[in-house]
Amino acid sequence: MNRGKLIVILGPSGVGKTTICKRILENRPDIRYSISATSRPQRKGEKNDREYIFLAEKEFKEWIAKGLFVEYAEVHGNFYGTPKCFLEGNLAQGHHVLMDVDVKGAKRLMKLYPDGLFLFIIPPDIRELEKRLLKRNTDEDVIIRKRLTNAREEFKHKDDYKYIIENRELEQTIEKILSIIKKEAEGG
């Protein structure tokens, strides 16, 4: 049995990673989605074990100490991490695994999975990113400013990735990503 391919959607907060992943999974039910763990508070409408595995900071640090994460990072004052068991188990069984992470998480994953497929998603411009973050209505202004500052820093690393995809129009973005997955993960 062939080992599955890790498919990573990365980019700054607000660029559309969550929406892109949902659409990929709608089109490719054969791909498994790796749910990250986080210490950040649950947002309205989110469910534990669906959007994230929500852990208290103390519990998150216990998972770190036990070696239960493939990678983890502190981002925007909260911890985020990829649970090892789900990811490794599915890849070993030949399943492709999709995940969305920030640039820090992607850097760690690239070292662990150099044969993975890493797709850096960018907005049309920083103003559009700010509009999207404001439209989400999930963060206070100070957090949005922090996310925009971090985004500018993350853009500096985009050339580290083979695929840089501008998310201007969602349908075109999804088509392009599905085409890349078919070519890179299945040799088609």
N, C-alpha and C. Protein backbone atom coordinates (compact mmCIF):
# COMPACT_ATOMS: atom_id res chain seq x y z
N MET A 1 0.84 -1.18 0.00
CA MET A 1 0.00 0.00 0.00
C MET A 1 0.89 1.24 0.00
N ASN A 2 0.55 2.21 -0.85
CA ASN A 2 1.30 3.46 -0.90
C ASN A 2 0.92 4.35 0.27
N ARG A 3 1.90 5.06 0.77
CA ARG A 3 1.67 6.02 1.84
C ARG A 3 0.89 7.21 1.27
N GLY A 4 0.00 7.77 2.08
CA GLY A 4 -0.78 8.93 1.66
C GLY A 4 0.08 10.17 1.57
N LYS A 5 -0.48 11.21 0.99
CA LYS A 5 0.22 12.49 0.81
C LYS A 5 -0.35 13.52 1.79
N LEU A 6 0.54 14.25 2.43
CA LEU A 6 0.13 15.37 3.27
C LEU A 6 -0.11 16.57 2.37
N ILE A 7 -1.29 17.18 2.48
CA ILE A 7 -1.65 18.35 1.68
C ILE A 7 -1.91 19.49 2.66
N VAL A 8 -1.08 20.53 2.56
CA VAL A 8 -1.14 21.62 3.53
C VAL A 8 -1.55 22.92 2.85
N ILE A 9 -2.63 23.51 3.36
CA ILE A 9 -3.09 24.83 2.93
C ILE A 9 -2.59 25.80 3.99
N LEU A 10 -1.79 26.78 3.57
CA LEU A 10 -1.25 27.72 4.55
C LEU A 10 -1.36 29.13 4.04
N GLY A 11 -1.22 30.06 4.94
CA GLY A 11 -1.29 31.47 4.61
C GLY A 11 -1.74 32.24 5.82
N PRO A 12 -1.80 33.54 5.70
CA PRO A 12 -2.17 34.37 6.85
C PRO A 12 -3.63 34.19 7.26
N SER A 13 -3.91 34.57 8.47
CA SER A 13 -5.26 34.54 9.01
C SER A 13 -6.17 35.41 8.15
N GLY A 14 -7.35 34.86 7.79
CA GLY A 14 -8.33 35.63 7.02
C GLY A 14 -8.24 35.45 5.52
N VAL A 15 -7.29 34.64 5.04
CA VAL A 15 -7.10 34.48 3.60
C VAL A 15 -8.08 33.48 2.98
N GLY A 16 -8.79 32.73 3.84
CA GLY A 16 -9.80 31.79 3.34
C GLY A 16 -9.44 30.33 3.46
N LYS A 17 -8.46 30.01 4.30
CA LYS A 17 -8.00 28.62 4.43
C LYS A 17 -9.13 27.67 4.83
N THR A 18 -9.93 28.05 5.82
CA THR A 18 -11.00 27.18 6.31
C THR A 18 -12.02 26.93 5.21
N THR A 19 -12.44 27.97 4.52
CA THR A 19 -13.42 27.83 3.43
C THR A 19 -12.85 26.96 2.31
N ILE A 20 -11.60 27.20 1.96
CA ILE A 20 -10.95 26.41 0.90
C ILE A 20 -10.92 24.94 1.29
N CYS A 21 -10.54 24.65 2.52
CA CYS A 21 -10.49 23.24 2.97
C CYS A 21 -11.87 22.59 2.92
N LYS A 22 -12.89 23.31 3.35
CA LYS A 22 -14.25 22.76 3.30
C LYS A 22 -14.64 22.41 1.87
N ARG A 23 -14.31 23.29 0.94
CA ARG A 23 -14.67 23.06 -0.46
C ARG A 23 -13.87 21.91 -1.06
N ILE A 24 -12.60 21.79 -0.70
CA ILE A 24 -11.79 20.66 -1.18
C ILE A 24 -12.43 19.35 -0.71
N LEU A 25 -12.81 19.30 0.55
CA LEU A 25 -13.40 18.08 1.12
C LEU A 25 -14.76 17.76 0.49
N GLU A 26 -15.52 18.78 0.12
CA GLU A 26 -16.80 18.55 -0.58
C GLU A 26 -16.55 17.89 -1.94
N ASN A 27 -15.48 18.30 -2.60
CA ASN A 27 -15.14 17.77 -3.92
C ASN A 27 -14.35 16.47 -3.86
N ARG A 28 -13.66 16.23 -2.74
CA ARG A 28 -12.80 15.06 -2.61
C ARG A 28 -13.06 14.37 -1.26
N PRO A 29 -14.20 13.66 -1.14
CA PRO A 29 -14.52 13.00 0.13
C PRO A 29 -13.52 11.91 0.51
N ASP A 30 -12.64 11.53 -0.41
CA ASP A 30 -11.62 10.52 -0.11
C ASP A 30 -10.47 11.10 0.71
N ILE A 31 -10.36 12.43 0.78
CA ILE A 31 -9.28 13.07 1.54
C ILE A 31 -9.73 13.26 2.98
N ARG A 32 -8.85 12.93 3.92
CA ARG A 32 -9.13 13.10 5.34
C ARG A 32 -8.69 14.50 5.78
N TYR A 33 -9.41 15.09 6.72
CA TYR A 33 -9.06 16.41 7.24
C TYR A 33 -8.48 16.27 8.64
N SER A 34 -7.30 16.82 8.85
CA SER A 34 -6.65 16.78 10.16
C SER A 34 -7.10 17.99 10.98
N ILE A 35 -7.80 17.72 12.05
CA ILE A 35 -8.27 18.78 12.93
C ILE A 35 -7.16 19.14 13.90
N SER A 36 -6.83 20.42 13.95
CA SER A 36 -5.80 20.90 14.86
C SER A 36 -6.36 21.07 16.26
N ALA A 37 -5.47 21.07 17.22
CA ALA A 37 -5.84 21.40 18.60
C ALA A 37 -5.46 22.86 18.84
N THR A 38 -6.19 23.52 19.70
CA THR A 38 -5.88 24.91 20.03
C THR A 38 -6.25 25.22 21.48
N SER A 39 -5.55 26.21 22.01
CA SER A 39 -5.87 26.70 23.35
C SER A 39 -6.73 27.97 23.27
N ARG A 40 -7.03 28.44 22.05
CA ARG A 40 -7.84 29.65 21.95
C ARG A 40 -9.29 29.35 22.30
N PRO A 41 -10.02 30.36 22.76
CA PRO A 41 -11.42 30.14 23.10
C PRO A 41 -12.25 29.76 21.87
N GLN A 42 -13.26 28.96 22.12
CA GLN A 42 -14.18 28.55 21.07
C GLN A 42 -14.98 29.76 20.61
N ARG A 43 -15.15 29.93 19.29
CA ARG A 43 -15.97 31.00 18.74
C ARG A 43 -17.40 30.52 18.61
N LYS A 44 -18.31 31.47 18.52
CA LYS A 44 -19.71 31.16 18.35
C LYS A 44 -19.89 30.27 17.11
N GLY A 45 -20.63 29.18 17.25
CA GLY A 45 -20.90 28.28 16.15
C GLY A 45 -19.88 27.16 15.98
N GLU A 46 -18.75 27.26 16.65
CA GLU A 46 -17.73 26.20 16.55
C GLU A 46 -18.07 25.06 17.50
N LYS A 47 -17.68 23.86 17.10
CA LYS A 47 -17.89 22.67 17.93
C LYS A 47 -16.56 21.97 18.15
N ASN A 48 -16.37 21.47 19.36
CA ASN A 48 -15.17 20.71 19.67
C ASN A 48 -15.12 19.46 18.79
N ASP A 49 -13.93 19.13 18.30
CA ASP A 49 -13.70 17.98 17.42
C ASP A 49 -14.28 18.18 16.01
N ARG A 50 -14.74 19.37 15.68
CA ARG A 50 -15.17 19.66 14.31
C ARG A 50 -14.23 20.72 13.72
N GLU A 51 -14.23 21.95 14.27
CA GLU A 51 -13.31 22.97 13.79
C GLU A 51 -11.92 22.77 14.40
N TYR A 52 -11.91 22.51 15.70
CA TYR A 52 -10.66 22.30 16.45
C TYR A 52 -10.93 21.34 17.59
N ILE A 53 -9.85 20.84 18.16
CA ILE A 53 -9.90 20.18 19.45
C ILE A 53 -9.54 21.29 20.44
N PHE A 54 -10.50 21.73 21.21
CA PHE A 54 -10.28 22.85 22.12
C PHE A 54 -9.74 22.33 23.45
N LEU A 55 -8.56 22.83 23.82
CA LEU A 55 -7.90 22.43 25.06
C LEU A 55 -7.59 23.68 25.89
N ALA A 56 -7.66 23.53 27.20
CA ALA A 56 -7.17 24.61 28.07
C ALA A 56 -5.65 24.68 27.87
N GLU A 57 -5.06 25.84 28.12
CA GLU A 57 -3.62 26.00 27.90
C GLU A 57 -2.82 24.97 28.70
N LYS A 58 -3.23 24.70 29.91
CA LYS A 58 -2.53 23.72 30.76
C LYS A 58 -2.57 22.33 30.10
N GLU A 59 -3.75 21.95 29.60
CA GLU A 59 -3.90 20.65 28.94
C GLU A 59 -3.08 20.59 27.65
N PHE A 60 -3.06 21.70 26.90
CA PHE A 60 -2.26 21.76 25.67
C PHE A 60 -0.79 21.50 26.00
N LYS A 61 -0.31 22.13 27.04
CA LYS A 61 1.10 21.97 27.43
C LYS A 61 1.38 20.54 27.90
N GLU A 62 0.39 19.89 28.50
CA GLU A 62 0.54 18.48 28.89
C GLU A 62 0.69 17.60 27.64
N TRP A 63 -0.10 17.90 26.60
CA TRP A 63 0.02 17.16 25.34
C TRP A 63 1.42 17.34 24.75
N ILE A 64 1.94 18.56 24.82
CA ILE A 64 3.30 18.83 24.32
C ILE A 64 4.30 17.96 25.07
N ALA A 65 4.19 17.96 26.40
CA ALA A 65 5.12 17.20 27.23
C ALA A 65 5.06 15.70 26.92
N LYS A 66 3.88 15.21 26.55
CA LYS A 66 3.71 13.79 26.22
C LYS A 66 4.11 13.46 24.78
N GLY A 67 4.47 14.47 24.00
CA GLY A 67 4.87 14.24 22.60
C GLY A 67 3.71 13.88 21.69
N LEU A 68 2.53 14.41 21.97
CA LEU A 68 1.34 14.05 21.20
C LEU A 68 1.12 14.89 19.94
N PHE A 69 2.00 15.87 19.68
CA PHE A 69 1.86 16.72 18.50
C PHE A 69 2.98 16.46 17.50
N VAL A 70 2.64 16.51 16.22
CA VAL A 70 3.64 16.46 15.15
C VAL A 70 4.35 17.81 15.14
N GLU A 71 3.57 18.87 15.28
CA GLU A 71 4.10 20.23 15.36
C GLU A 71 3.13 21.05 16.18
N TYR A 72 3.65 22.13 16.75
CA TYR A 72 2.80 23.07 17.47
C TYR A 72 3.49 24.43 17.48
N ALA A 73 2.71 25.46 17.71
CA ALA A 73 3.27 26.81 17.75
C ALA A 73 2.34 27.70 18.56
N GLU A 74 2.90 28.77 19.06
CA GLU A 74 2.09 29.80 19.70
C GLU A 74 1.87 30.88 18.65
N VAL A 75 0.60 31.16 18.36
CA VAL A 75 0.24 32.12 17.33
C VAL A 75 -0.85 33.04 17.89
N HIS A 76 -0.65 34.34 17.75
CA HIS A 76 -1.64 35.32 18.22
C HIS A 76 -1.97 35.11 19.70
N GLY A 77 -0.99 34.65 20.49
CA GLY A 77 -1.19 34.47 21.93
C GLY A 77 -1.86 33.17 22.32
N ASN A 78 -2.11 32.28 21.35
CA ASN A 78 -2.71 30.98 21.65
C ASN A 78 -1.87 29.87 21.03
N PHE A 79 -2.01 28.66 21.57
CA PHE A 79 -1.29 27.52 21.03
C PHE A 79 -2.15 26.79 20.00
N TYR A 80 -1.48 26.30 18.94
CA TYR A 80 -2.11 25.49 17.91
C TYR A 80 -1.18 24.32 17.64
N GLY A 81 -1.74 23.13 17.40
CA GLY A 81 -0.90 21.98 17.14
C GLY A 81 -1.61 20.90 16.35
N THR A 82 -0.81 20.05 15.72
CA THR A 82 -1.31 18.93 14.92
C THR A 82 -1.14 17.64 15.69
N PRO A 83 -2.24 17.02 16.11
CA PRO A 83 -2.13 15.74 16.82
C PRO A 83 -1.48 14.66 15.94
N LYS A 84 -0.51 13.98 16.51
CA LYS A 84 0.31 13.00 15.79
C LYS A 84 -0.47 11.75 15.39
N CYS A 85 -1.30 11.23 16.26
CA CYS A 85 -1.96 9.94 16.05
C CYS A 85 -2.80 9.92 14.77
N PHE A 86 -3.67 10.90 14.59
CA PHE A 86 -4.55 10.94 13.43
C PHE A 86 -3.74 11.07 12.14
N LEU A 87 -2.82 12.00 12.12
CA LEU A 87 -2.04 12.27 10.91
C LEU A 87 -1.23 11.06 10.48
N GLU A 88 -0.44 10.53 11.37
CA GLU A 88 0.43 9.40 11.04
C GLU A 88 -0.37 8.15 10.67
N GLY A 89 -1.45 7.90 11.42
CA GLY A 89 -2.28 6.72 11.15
C GLY A 89 -2.88 6.74 9.76
N ASN A 90 -3.43 7.89 9.36
CA ASN A 90 -4.06 7.99 8.04
C ASN A 90 -3.05 7.95 6.90
N LEU A 91 -1.93 8.61 7.06
CA LEU A 91 -0.90 8.57 6.01
C LEU A 91 -0.39 7.15 5.82
N ALA A 92 -0.18 6.45 6.93
CA ALA A 92 0.31 5.07 6.86
C ALA A 92 -0.69 4.15 6.17
N GLN A 93 -1.99 4.45 6.29
CA GLN A 93 -3.03 3.65 5.64
C GLN A 93 -3.25 4.05 4.18
N GLY A 94 -2.47 4.99 3.69
CA GLY A 94 -2.57 5.39 2.29
C GLY A 94 -3.55 6.51 2.00
N HIS A 95 -4.09 7.13 3.04
CA HIS A 95 -5.04 8.23 2.85
C HIS A 95 -4.30 9.56 2.73
N HIS A 96 -4.75 10.40 1.79
CA HIS A 96 -4.24 11.77 1.74
C HIS A 96 -4.87 12.52 2.91
N VAL A 97 -4.07 13.39 3.54
CA VAL A 97 -4.56 14.16 4.69
C VAL A 97 -4.39 15.64 4.40
N LEU A 98 -5.50 16.38 4.53
CA LEU A 98 -5.54 17.82 4.31
C LEU A 98 -5.50 18.54 5.65
N MET A 99 -4.74 19.62 5.68
CA MET A 99 -4.73 20.44 6.89
C MET A 99 -4.46 21.89 6.53
N ASP A 100 -4.91 22.80 7.38
CA ASP A 100 -4.57 24.21 7.20
C ASP A 100 -3.82 24.68 8.43
N VAL A 101 -2.71 25.35 8.17
CA VAL A 101 -1.83 25.81 9.24
C VAL A 101 -1.30 27.20 8.89
N ASP A 102 -0.65 27.81 9.86
CA ASP A 102 0.02 29.08 9.61
C ASP A 102 1.43 28.80 9.08
N VAL A 103 2.17 29.84 8.78
CA VAL A 103 3.50 29.69 8.19
C VAL A 103 4.46 28.97 9.12
N LYS A 104 4.38 29.26 10.42
CA LYS A 104 5.27 28.60 11.38
C LYS A 104 5.03 27.09 11.39
N GLY A 105 3.78 26.69 11.44
CA GLY A 105 3.45 25.27 11.43
C GLY A 105 3.89 24.60 10.14
N ALA A 106 3.73 25.31 9.02
CA ALA A 106 4.11 24.76 7.71
C ALA A 106 5.62 24.53 7.64
N LYS A 107 6.39 25.44 8.21
CA LYS A 107 7.86 25.28 8.21
C LYS A 107 8.25 23.99 8.92
N ARG A 108 7.63 23.73 10.06
CA ARG A 108 7.94 22.51 10.81
C ARG A 108 7.50 21.27 10.02
N LEU A 109 6.32 21.35 9.43
CA LEU A 109 5.81 20.21 8.66
C LEU A 109 6.67 19.92 7.43
N MET A 110 7.21 20.96 6.80
CA MET A 110 8.07 20.76 5.63
C MET A 110 9.31 19.95 6.00
N LYS A 111 9.81 20.16 7.19
CA LYS A 111 11.00 19.40 7.64
C LYS A 111 10.63 17.94 7.89
N LEU A 112 9.46 17.72 8.47
CA LEU A 112 9.02 16.36 8.80
C LEU A 112 8.47 15.60 7.59
N TYR A 113 7.86 16.32 6.66
CA TYR A 113 7.21 15.72 5.49
C TYR A 113 7.68 16.45 4.22
N PRO A 114 8.94 16.28 3.85
CA PRO A 114 9.46 17.01 2.68
C PRO A 114 8.75 16.66 1.37
N ASP A 115 8.06 15.52 1.34
CA ASP A 115 7.32 15.13 0.13
C ASP A 115 5.87 15.62 0.16
N GLY A 116 5.52 16.41 1.17
CA GLY A 116 4.16 16.94 1.28
C GLY A 116 3.88 17.99 0.22
N LEU A 117 2.62 18.27 0.03
CA LEU A 117 2.16 19.28 -0.93
C LEU A 117 1.76 20.52 -0.13
N PHE A 118 2.50 21.61 -0.30
CA PHE A 118 2.29 22.84 0.46
C PHE A 118 1.82 23.94 -0.48
N LEU A 119 0.61 24.48 -0.20
CA LEU A 119 0.01 25.50 -1.05
C LEU A 119 -0.18 26.78 -0.23
N PHE A 120 0.56 27.82 -0.59
CA PHE A 120 0.51 29.10 0.12
C PHE A 120 -0.58 29.96 -0.51
N ILE A 121 -1.58 30.32 0.29
CA ILE A 121 -2.72 31.10 -0.19
C ILE A 121 -2.49 32.57 0.18
N ILE A 122 -2.65 33.44 -0.81
CA ILE A 122 -2.50 34.87 -0.55
C ILE A 122 -3.78 35.60 -0.95
N PRO A 123 -4.05 36.74 -0.32
CA PRO A 123 -5.19 37.56 -0.75
C PRO A 123 -4.78 38.44 -1.93
N PRO A 124 -5.74 39.05 -2.61
CA PRO A 124 -5.39 39.95 -3.71
C PRO A 124 -4.46 41.08 -3.23
N ASP A 125 -4.71 41.60 -2.02
CA ASP A 125 -3.85 42.63 -1.42
C ASP A 125 -4.18 42.73 0.07
N ILE A 126 -3.40 43.51 0.79
CA ILE A 126 -3.55 43.61 2.25
C ILE A 126 -4.88 44.27 2.63
N ARG A 127 -5.37 45.19 1.80
CA ARG A 127 -6.67 45.83 2.10
C ARG A 127 -7.81 44.81 2.05
N GLU A 128 -7.75 43.93 1.04
CA GLU A 128 -8.77 42.88 0.93
C GLU A 128 -8.70 41.95 2.14
N LEU A 129 -7.49 41.64 2.60
CA LEU A 129 -7.33 40.79 3.78
C LEU A 129 -7.96 41.47 5.00
N GLU A 130 -7.73 42.75 5.15
CA GLU A 130 -8.32 43.49 6.27
C GLU A 130 -9.84 43.46 6.19
N LYS A 131 -10.40 43.66 4.99
CA LYS A 131 -11.86 43.61 4.82
C LYS A 131 -12.40 42.24 5.23
N ARG A 132 -11.71 41.17 4.84
CA ARG A 132 -12.16 39.82 5.17
C ARG A 132 -12.12 39.59 6.69
N LEU A 133 -11.06 40.07 7.32
CA LEU A 133 -10.95 39.89 8.78
C LEU A 133 -12.05 40.67 9.50
N LEU A 134 -12.36 41.87 9.03
CA LEU A 134 -13.43 42.67 9.64
C LEU A 134 -14.79 42.03 9.39
N LYS A 135 -14.99 41.50 8.18
CA LYS A 135 -16.27 40.88 7.80
C LYS A 135 -16.57 39.64 8.65
N ARG A 136 -15.50 38.90 9.04
CA ARG A 136 -15.70 37.71 9.88
C ARG A 136 -16.35 38.05 11.20
N ASN A 137 -16.03 39.26 11.70
CA ASN A 137 -16.61 39.73 12.96
C ASN A 137 -16.37 38.77 14.12
N THR A 138 -15.16 38.20 14.17
CA THR A 138 -14.83 37.25 15.23
C THR A 138 -13.76 37.77 16.18
N ASP A 139 -13.09 38.85 15.81
CA ASP A 139 -11.98 39.35 16.62
C ASP A 139 -12.12 40.83 16.91
N GLU A 140 -11.54 41.24 18.03
CA GLU A 140 -11.49 42.66 18.38
C GLU A 140 -10.48 43.36 17.47
N ASP A 141 -10.57 44.70 17.38
CA ASP A 141 -9.69 45.47 16.50
C ASP A 141 -8.21 45.21 16.79
N VAL A 142 -7.85 45.12 18.05
CA VAL A 142 -6.44 44.91 18.40
C VAL A 142 -5.93 43.57 17.86
N ILE A 143 -6.77 42.55 17.87
CA ILE A 143 -6.41 41.24 17.33
C ILE A 143 -6.30 41.31 15.81
N ILE A 144 -7.22 42.02 15.17
CA ILE A 144 -7.17 42.18 13.71
C ILE A 144 -5.88 42.87 13.30
N ARG A 145 -5.49 43.93 14.03
CA ARG A 145 -4.23 44.64 13.72
C ARG A 145 -3.04 43.68 13.86
N LYS A 146 -3.08 42.85 14.90
CA LYS A 146 -1.99 41.89 15.12
C LYS A 146 -1.94 40.88 13.97
N ARG A 147 -3.11 40.42 13.53
CA ARG A 147 -3.17 39.46 12.42
C ARG A 147 -2.63 40.09 11.13
N LEU A 148 -2.93 41.37 10.89
CA LEU A 148 -2.44 42.05 9.69
C LEU A 148 -0.92 42.24 9.74
N THR A 149 -0.41 42.59 10.92
CA THR A 149 1.04 42.72 11.09
C THR A 149 1.72 41.38 10.83
N ASN A 150 1.15 40.31 11.40
CA ASN A 150 1.70 38.96 11.18
C ASN A 150 1.61 38.56 9.71
N ALA A 151 0.53 38.95 9.04
CA ALA A 151 0.36 38.60 7.62
C ALA A 151 1.48 39.21 6.78
N ARG A 152 1.80 40.46 7.05
CA ARG A 152 2.89 41.12 6.30
C ARG A 152 4.20 40.35 6.47
N GLU A 153 4.42 39.86 7.67
CA GLU A 153 5.64 39.08 7.95
C GLU A 153 5.59 37.72 7.22
N GLU A 154 4.41 37.09 7.23
CA GLU A 154 4.24 35.79 6.59
C GLU A 154 4.42 35.88 5.07
N PHE A 155 3.99 36.98 4.47
CA PHE A 155 4.14 37.15 3.02
C PHE A 155 5.60 37.07 2.59
N LYS A 156 6.50 37.43 3.47
CA LYS A 156 7.93 37.40 3.15
C LYS A 156 8.41 35.98 2.89
N HIS A 157 7.66 34.98 3.36
CA HIS A 157 8.07 33.58 3.23
C HIS A 157 7.37 32.84 2.08
N LYS A 158 6.52 33.53 1.35
CA LYS A 158 5.72 32.84 0.33
C LYS A 158 6.55 32.17 -0.75
N ASP A 159 7.72 32.74 -1.05
CA ASP A 159 8.56 32.14 -2.09
C ASP A 159 9.25 30.86 -1.65
N ASP A 160 9.08 30.48 -0.39
CA ASP A 160 9.63 29.20 0.10
C ASP A 160 8.78 28.02 -0.38
N TYR A 161 7.65 28.31 -1.01
CA TYR A 161 6.71 27.27 -1.39
C TYR A 161 6.57 27.17 -2.90
N LYS A 162 6.39 25.96 -3.38
CA LYS A 162 6.27 25.71 -4.81
C LYS A 162 5.01 26.35 -5.39
N TYR A 163 3.91 26.32 -4.62
CA TYR A 163 2.65 26.84 -5.10
C TYR A 163 2.21 28.04 -4.27
N ILE A 164 2.01 29.16 -4.96
CA ILE A 164 1.47 30.38 -4.36
C ILE A 164 0.19 30.67 -5.12
N ILE A 165 -0.92 30.66 -4.41
CA ILE A 165 -2.23 30.79 -5.07
C ILE A 165 -2.97 31.99 -4.50
N GLU A 166 -3.31 32.91 -5.40
CA GLU A 166 -4.07 34.09 -4.98
C GLU A 166 -5.55 33.73 -4.89
N ASN A 167 -6.13 33.95 -3.73
CA ASN A 167 -7.55 33.67 -3.53
C ASN A 167 -8.36 34.94 -3.82
N ARG A 168 -8.52 35.22 -5.09
CA ARG A 168 -9.32 36.39 -5.51
C ARG A 168 -10.77 35.97 -5.69
N GLU A 169 -10.96 34.86 -6.39
CA GLU A 169 -12.31 34.35 -6.69
C GLU A 169 -12.33 32.89 -6.24
N LEU A 170 -13.17 32.57 -5.28
CA LEU A 170 -13.16 31.27 -4.61
C LEU A 170 -13.26 30.09 -5.58
N GLU A 171 -14.18 30.14 -6.53
CA GLU A 171 -14.37 29.00 -7.43
C GLU A 171 -13.10 28.70 -8.24
N GLN A 172 -12.45 29.74 -8.73
CA GLN A 172 -11.21 29.56 -9.48
C GLN A 172 -10.10 29.02 -8.59
N THR A 173 -10.06 29.52 -7.36
CA THR A 173 -9.05 29.05 -6.40
C THR A 173 -9.23 27.56 -6.13
N ILE A 174 -10.46 27.13 -5.92
CA ILE A 174 -10.75 25.72 -5.63
C ILE A 174 -10.37 24.85 -6.84
N GLU A 175 -10.77 25.27 -8.03
CA GLU A 175 -10.43 24.51 -9.24
C GLU A 175 -8.92 24.34 -9.39
N LYS A 176 -8.20 25.42 -9.16
CA LYS A 176 -6.74 25.37 -9.29
C LYS A 176 -6.13 24.41 -8.27
N ILE A 177 -6.58 24.48 -7.04
CA ILE A 177 -6.04 23.60 -5.99
C ILE A 177 -6.38 22.15 -6.27
N LEU A 178 -7.61 21.87 -6.68
CA LEU A 178 -7.99 20.49 -6.99
C LEU A 178 -7.14 19.93 -8.14
N SER A 179 -6.84 20.77 -9.10
CA SER A 179 -6.00 20.36 -10.22
C SER A 179 -4.57 20.05 -9.73
N ILE A 180 -4.05 20.86 -8.85
CA ILE A 180 -2.71 20.64 -8.29
C ILE A 180 -2.68 19.35 -7.49
N ILE A 181 -3.71 19.12 -6.68
CA ILE A 181 -3.78 17.88 -5.88
C ILE A 181 -3.79 16.67 -6.80
N LYS A 182 -4.61 16.73 -7.85
CA LYS A 182 -4.67 15.60 -8.79
C LYS A 182 -3.31 15.33 -9.41
N LYS A 183 -2.63 16.38 -9.81
CA LYS A 183 -1.32 16.25 -10.46
C LYS A 183 -0.25 15.77 -9.48
N GLU A 184 -0.17 16.38 -8.32
CA GLU A 184 0.92 16.12 -7.38
C GLU A 184 0.69 14.89 -6.50
N ALA A 185 -0.54 14.70 -6.04
CA ALA A 185 -0.80 13.60 -5.10
C ALA A 185 -1.13 12.29 -5.82
N GLU A 186 -1.68 12.39 -7.02
CA GLU A 186 -2.06 11.17 -7.73
C GLU A 186 -1.30 10.98 -9.03
N GLY A 187 -0.41 11.90 -9.34
CA GLY A 187 0.36 11.77 -10.57
C GLY A 187 -0.47 11.95 -11.82
N GLY A 188 -1.64 12.63 -11.68
CA GLY A 188 -2.54 12.80 -12.83
C GLY A 188 -2.37 14.11 -13.40
